[in-house]
Amino acid sequence: MEEIVLTVTRGGNSVNSVYSGPANWKQMQKEHLMMWASAMCSNLVTQKAKIILAALLFKIPKHVLINVLPRHERIRLSFKINFLFKKNELSAWLIPSFWFGFRKYYGPKNKLSNLTTEEFGLCELCWENFQLTKDQGFLDVLIAILYRPRRFFAIDDDIRQPLRNYSREIRTRRFKKLSEKMRWSVYLNYEGCRNYITGTYKQVFKSADPGEQAKPASWTKVVQSAAGGIFGNLKETEKSNVHKFLSELNDRLIQMEKDKKP
């Protein structure tokens, strides 16, 4: 965490107070993600809002922000969280589980490392549709795909129950009562992880135009074209780990590019 030292006057004496907060993506924690989500779902992106958000992330008391920090220091403070308004690189999954009603739901691992190719494709469809429509119903479905109850048998790399359409639809209806802050927290976390995936396996996703994200239809074609290889038929390919699948496919595409060169 980055530390900020501020001189605060108390009882006529000057005291140095140290405040710490995230200065990059790797330093983000769950509480920081929730604060960031609150700002984003409220569309607070003005300079004043950035100062308030920075003060929250660094846990600077309101009276210190207003009465102690001069304007130029407040602006300098806001610069420390500029990374939040650039490319989302949040690859750690910061909300591993949450209670809703009387049930506990478990999310994916860092970098979405335990998702199957099928699950990733479904998440992409929700993500893309939300980009197009801003309908938060797609976020409910996204959360219902990512968060599932724990299973107590046949646990391999994933403690969550298998993804099934019927139980997913039930969770989707339940999650409509989640707070907007929670929805945006999951959305922002997913966005960071998918950016990690598309940036790591560039050869697979390079068909997307610069500055644009890969489309769900493209993902479906990718899985269908790869089926029948080392991952088995289409159904078996869909159940394979998304990172193993993409790593193999990425290497295969790189080799094909090399073979084309004279």
Protein backbone atom coordinates (compact mmCIF):
# COMPACT_ATOMS: atom_id res chain seq x y z
CA MET A 1 0.00 0.00 0.00
CA GLU A 2 1.15 3.54 -0.67
CA GLU A 3 1.39 5.82 2.34
CA ILE A 4 0.51 9.50 2.58
CA VAL A 5 1.81 11.62 5.46
CA LEU A 6 -0.35 14.63 6.38
CA THR A 7 0.32 17.19 9.07
CA VAL A 8 -2.79 17.63 11.21
CA THR A 9 -3.18 20.26 13.93
CA ARG A 10 -4.65 18.90 17.16
CA GLY A 11 -4.94 20.99 20.29
CA GLY A 12 -2.49 23.53 18.95
CA ASN A 13 0.10 20.84 18.16
CA SER A 14 1.08 19.61 14.73
CA VAL A 15 0.90 15.85 14.36
CA ASN A 16 1.92 13.77 11.36
CA SER A 17 -0.80 11.29 10.43
CA VAL A 18 -0.14 8.42 8.02
CA TYR A 19 -2.84 7.18 5.66
CA SER A 20 -2.48 4.25 3.29
CA GLY A 21 -4.40 3.18 0.21
CA PRO A 22 -4.00 1.45 -3.17
CA ALA A 23 -1.85 3.11 -5.81
CA ASN A 24 -2.14 0.33 -8.41
CA TRP A 25 -4.28 -2.68 -9.33
CA LYS A 26 -2.26 -5.21 -7.35
CA GLN A 27 -2.89 -3.28 -4.12
CA MET A 28 -6.67 -3.30 -4.50
CA GLN A 29 -8.64 -5.13 -1.80
CA LYS A 30 -12.31 -6.00 -1.41
CA GLU A 31 -13.18 -2.80 0.46
CA HIS A 32 -11.50 -0.71 -2.25
CA LEU A 33 -13.42 -2.54 -4.98
CA MET A 34 -16.72 -1.87 -3.22
CA MET A 35 -15.91 1.83 -2.87
CA TRP A 36 -14.91 2.05 -6.52
CA ALA A 37 -18.13 0.27 -7.52
CA SER A 38 -20.21 2.74 -5.50
CA ALA A 39 -18.59 5.62 -7.36
CA MET A 40 -19.06 4.02 -10.77
CA CYS A 41 -22.71 3.04 -10.32
CA SER A 42 -23.39 6.61 -9.18
CA ASN A 43 -21.52 7.91 -12.25
CA LEU A 44 -19.27 10.03 -10.02
CA VAL A 45 -16.39 10.77 -12.36
CA THR A 46 -15.93 14.52 -11.83
CA GLN A 47 -12.75 15.91 -10.29
CA LYS A 48 -14.54 16.52 -6.99
CA ALA A 49 -15.85 12.96 -6.96
CA LYS A 50 -12.36 11.60 -7.65
CA ILE A 51 -11.03 13.55 -4.65
CA ILE A 52 -13.77 12.11 -2.42
CA LEU A 53 -13.12 8.58 -3.73
CA ALA A 54 -9.37 8.95 -3.15
CA ALA A 55 -10.02 10.12 0.41
CA LEU A 56 -12.23 7.09 1.02
CA LEU A 57 -9.68 4.66 -0.40
CA PHE A 58 -6.91 6.17 1.73
CA LYS A 59 -9.24 6.42 4.75
CA ILE A 60 -8.67 10.14 5.18
CA PRO A 61 -11.32 11.60 7.57
CA LYS A 62 -13.77 14.08 6.14
CA HIS A 63 -12.68 16.91 8.46
CA VAL A 64 -9.05 16.41 7.40
CA LEU A 65 -9.98 16.47 3.73
CA ILE A 66 -12.04 19.64 4.10
CA ASN A 67 -10.17 21.60 6.81
CA VAL A 68 -6.55 20.48 6.47
CA LEU A 69 -5.76 19.73 2.85
CA PRO A 70 -5.44 22.78 0.57
CA ARG A 71 -6.98 22.50 -2.88
CA HIS A 72 -3.74 21.66 -4.70
CA GLU A 73 -3.09 18.83 -2.24
CA ARG A 74 -6.58 17.44 -2.77
CA ILE A 75 -6.04 17.41 -6.53
CA ARG A 76 -2.68 15.71 -6.08
CA LEU A 77 -4.40 13.11 -3.91
CA SER A 78 -6.92 12.37 -6.67
CA PHE A 79 -4.05 11.69 -9.09
CA LYS A 80 -3.07 8.67 -6.99
CA ILE A 81 -6.18 6.78 -8.13
CA ASN A 82 -5.93 7.67 -11.82
CA PHE A 83 -5.20 4.01 -12.52
CA LEU A 84 -8.88 3.24 -11.76
CA PHE A 85 -9.95 5.27 -14.79
CA LYS A 86 -7.52 3.60 -17.20
CA LYS A 87 -7.55 0.00 -18.46
CA ASN A 88 -9.00 -2.31 -15.82
CA GLU A 89 -6.21 -4.72 -14.78
CA LEU A 90 -7.84 -6.18 -11.68
CA SER A 91 -6.98 -9.87 -12.19
CA ALA A 92 -7.35 -10.96 -8.53
CA TRP A 93 -10.87 -12.05 -7.56
CA LEU A 94 -11.64 -9.90 -4.51
CA ILE A 95 -15.07 -11.22 -3.48
CA PRO A 96 -14.49 -14.98 -3.10
CA SER A 97 -17.90 -15.53 -1.47
CA PHE A 98 -20.94 -13.76 -0.03
CA TRP A 99 -24.04 -14.58 2.01
CA PHE A 100 -27.44 -13.89 0.50
CA GLY A 101 -30.50 -14.91 2.44
CA PHE A 102 -29.55 -18.07 4.29
CA ARG A 103 -27.10 -19.36 1.68
CA LYS A 104 -23.46 -18.76 0.98
CA TYR A 105 -22.35 -18.44 -2.62
CA TYR A 106 -18.81 -18.98 -3.86
CA GLY A 107 -17.18 -17.20 -6.76
CA PRO A 108 -14.33 -18.08 -9.12
CA LYS A 109 -10.61 -18.04 -8.43
CA ASN A 110 -8.16 -15.31 -9.40
CA LYS A 111 -7.95 -14.65 -13.14
CA LEU A 112 -11.08 -16.81 -13.55
CA SER A 113 -8.65 -19.73 -13.43
CA ASN A 114 -11.27 -22.40 -12.64
CA LEU A 115 -13.86 -21.47 -15.26
CA THR A 116 -14.68 -23.87 -18.07
CA THR A 117 -14.74 -22.72 -21.68
CA GLU A 118 -18.54 -22.98 -21.60
CA GLU A 119 -18.83 -20.84 -18.45
CA PHE A 120 -16.51 -18.23 -19.88
CA GLY A 121 -18.56 -18.09 -23.08
CA LEU A 122 -21.78 -17.57 -21.11
CA CYS A 123 -20.13 -14.84 -19.03
CA GLU A 124 -18.93 -13.15 -22.20
CA LEU A 125 -22.45 -13.15 -23.59
CA CYS A 126 -23.74 -11.42 -20.43
CA TRP A 127 -20.86 -8.95 -20.43
CA GLU A 128 -21.32 -8.04 -24.08
CA ASN A 129 -25.10 -7.61 -23.76
CA PHE A 130 -24.64 -5.36 -20.74
CA GLN A 131 -22.22 -3.22 -22.77
CA LEU A 132 -24.84 -2.85 -25.47
CA THR A 133 -27.96 -2.31 -23.37
CA LYS A 134 -26.86 -1.34 -19.83
CA ASP A 135 -29.64 -3.65 -18.65
CA GLN A 136 -28.60 -4.79 -15.17
CA GLY A 137 -30.55 -8.01 -15.67
CA PHE A 138 -27.51 -9.27 -17.58
CA LEU A 139 -25.40 -8.60 -14.49
CA ASP A 140 -27.81 -10.76 -12.45
CA VAL A 141 -27.20 -13.62 -14.89
CA LEU A 142 -23.45 -13.01 -14.84
CA ILE A 143 -23.41 -13.23 -11.04
CA ALA A 144 -25.59 -16.35 -11.12
CA ILE A 145 -23.04 -18.01 -13.43
CA LEU A 146 -20.02 -17.01 -11.37
CA TYR A 147 -21.45 -17.54 -7.86
CA ARG A 148 -22.80 -20.92 -6.87
CA PRO A 149 -23.31 -22.89 -3.63
CA ARG A 150 -20.52 -25.11 -2.34
CA ARG A 151 -20.51 -28.77 -3.21
CA PHE A 152 -19.36 -31.35 -0.70
CA PHE A 153 -18.31 -34.18 -3.00
CA ALA A 154 -16.21 -34.72 -6.13
CA ILE A 155 -14.28 -31.50 -5.49
CA ASP A 156 -11.39 -31.00 -7.89
CA ASP A 157 -10.27 -27.47 -8.73
CA ASP A 158 -13.66 -25.92 -8.05
CA ILE A 159 -15.66 -26.06 -4.81
CA ARG A 160 -18.77 -24.66 -6.52
CA GLN A 161 -21.66 -26.81 -7.61
CA PRO A 162 -21.75 -27.58 -11.35
CA LEU A 163 -23.45 -24.96 -13.48
CA ARG A 164 -26.96 -26.07 -14.44
CA ASN A 165 -29.60 -24.02 -16.25
CA TYR A 166 -32.39 -24.59 -13.74
CA SER A 167 -30.41 -23.59 -10.63
CA ARG A 168 -28.85 -20.69 -12.52
CA GLU A 169 -32.29 -19.30 -13.34
CA ILE A 170 -33.31 -19.57 -9.67
CA ARG A 171 -30.19 -17.66 -8.59
CA THR A 172 -30.76 -15.05 -11.28
CA ARG A 173 -34.21 -14.29 -9.84
CA ARG A 174 -32.78 -14.15 -6.31
CA PHE A 175 -29.89 -11.92 -7.27
CA LYS A 176 -32.25 -9.28 -8.63
CA LYS A 177 -32.42 -8.13 -5.00
CA LEU A 178 -28.67 -7.60 -4.75
CA SER A 179 -27.49 -4.04 -4.25
CA GLU A 180 -26.35 -2.07 -7.26
CA LYS A 181 -22.97 -1.74 -5.58
CA MET A 182 -22.60 -5.52 -5.44
CA ARG A 183 -23.57 -5.87 -9.09
CA TRP A 184 -21.00 -3.30 -10.16
CA SER A 185 -18.33 -4.85 -7.95
CA VAL A 186 -18.71 -8.20 -9.72
CA TYR A 187 -18.91 -6.49 -13.11
CA LEU A 188 -15.71 -4.51 -12.54
CA ASN A 189 -13.89 -7.55 -11.18
CA TYR A 190 -14.97 -9.64 -14.15
CA GLU A 191 -13.92 -6.92 -16.56
CA GLY A 192 -10.41 -6.87 -15.07
CA CYS A 193 -10.08 -10.67 -15.25
CA ARG A 194 -11.33 -10.84 -18.84
CA ASN A 195 -8.83 -8.12 -19.78
CA TYR A 196 -6.13 -10.32 -18.31
CA ILE A 197 -7.35 -13.28 -20.38
CA THR A 198 -7.63 -11.39 -23.68
CA GLY A 199 -4.23 -9.78 -23.04
CA THR A 200 -2.53 -13.07 -22.18
CA TYR A 201 -3.85 -15.08 -25.12
CA LYS A 202 -3.51 -12.36 -27.73
CA GLN A 203 -3.32 -14.68 -30.70
CA VAL A 204 -6.78 -16.07 -29.95
CA PHE A 205 -8.40 -12.67 -29.50
CA LYS A 206 -6.44 -10.66 -32.05
CA SER A 207 -9.37 -10.75 -34.49
CA ALA A 208 -11.02 -8.04 -32.40
CA ASP A 209 -10.43 -4.50 -33.68
CA PRO A 210 -7.99 -2.35 -31.68
CA GLY A 211 -9.73 -0.86 -28.68
CA GLU A 212 -12.67 -3.26 -28.95
CA GLN A 213 -13.47 -6.38 -26.98
CA ALA A 214 -13.88 -9.87 -28.43
CA LYS A 215 -17.48 -10.64 -29.32
CA PRO A 216 -19.41 -13.64 -27.91
CA ALA A 217 -20.10 -14.96 -31.40
CA SER A 218 -16.36 -15.05 -32.01
CA TRP A 219 -15.90 -17.08 -28.83
CA THR A 220 -18.52 -19.63 -29.90
CA LYS A 221 -16.75 -20.10 -33.22
CA VAL A 222 -13.41 -20.45 -31.47
CA VAL A 223 -14.69 -23.32 -29.28
CA GLN A 224 -16.46 -25.05 -32.17
CA SER A 225 -13.39 -24.87 -34.42
CA ALA A 226 -11.13 -26.29 -31.69
CA ALA A 227 -13.42 -29.22 -30.83
CA GLY A 228 -12.22 -32.64 -31.93
CA GLY A 229 -8.63 -31.98 -30.89
CA ILE A 230 -6.84 -32.88 -27.67
CA PHE A 231 -9.80 -31.59 -25.64
CA GLY A 232 -12.21 -34.09 -27.20
CA ASN A 233 -15.59 -33.48 -28.82
CA LEU A 234 -17.57 -30.25 -28.49
CA LYS A 235 -19.18 -31.19 -25.17
CA GLU A 236 -15.83 -32.25 -23.69
CA THR A 237 -14.16 -29.10 -25.01
CA GLU A 238 -16.81 -26.94 -23.34
CA LYS A 239 -16.03 -28.61 -20.00
CA SER A 240 -12.28 -28.06 -20.30
CA ASN A 241 -10.48 -25.41 -18.24
CA VAL A 242 -10.58 -22.08 -20.06
CA HIS A 243 -6.91 -21.23 -19.42
CA LYS A 244 -5.65 -24.66 -20.53
CA PHE A 245 -7.85 -24.44 -23.60
CA LEU A 246 -6.70 -20.94 -24.51
CA SER A 247 -3.03 -21.70 -23.83
CA GLU A 248 -3.10 -24.70 -26.17
CA LEU A 249 -5.04 -22.82 -28.83
CA ASN A 250 -2.81 -19.76 -28.54
CA ASP A 251 0.34 -21.87 -29.02
CA ARG A 252 -1.28 -23.64 -31.97
CA LEU A 253 -2.12 -20.35 -33.68
CA ILE A 254 1.40 -19.01 -33.09
CA GLN A 255 2.85 -22.14 -34.69
CA MET A 256 0.49 -21.79 -37.66
CA GLU A 257 1.72 -18.21 -38.16
CA LYS A 258 5.32 -19.43 -38.11
CA ASP A 259 4.56 -22.18 -40.60
CA LYS A 260 3.08 -19.65 -43.03
CA LYS A 261 6.34 -17.66 -43.17
CA PRO A 262 8.70 -18.58 -46.03
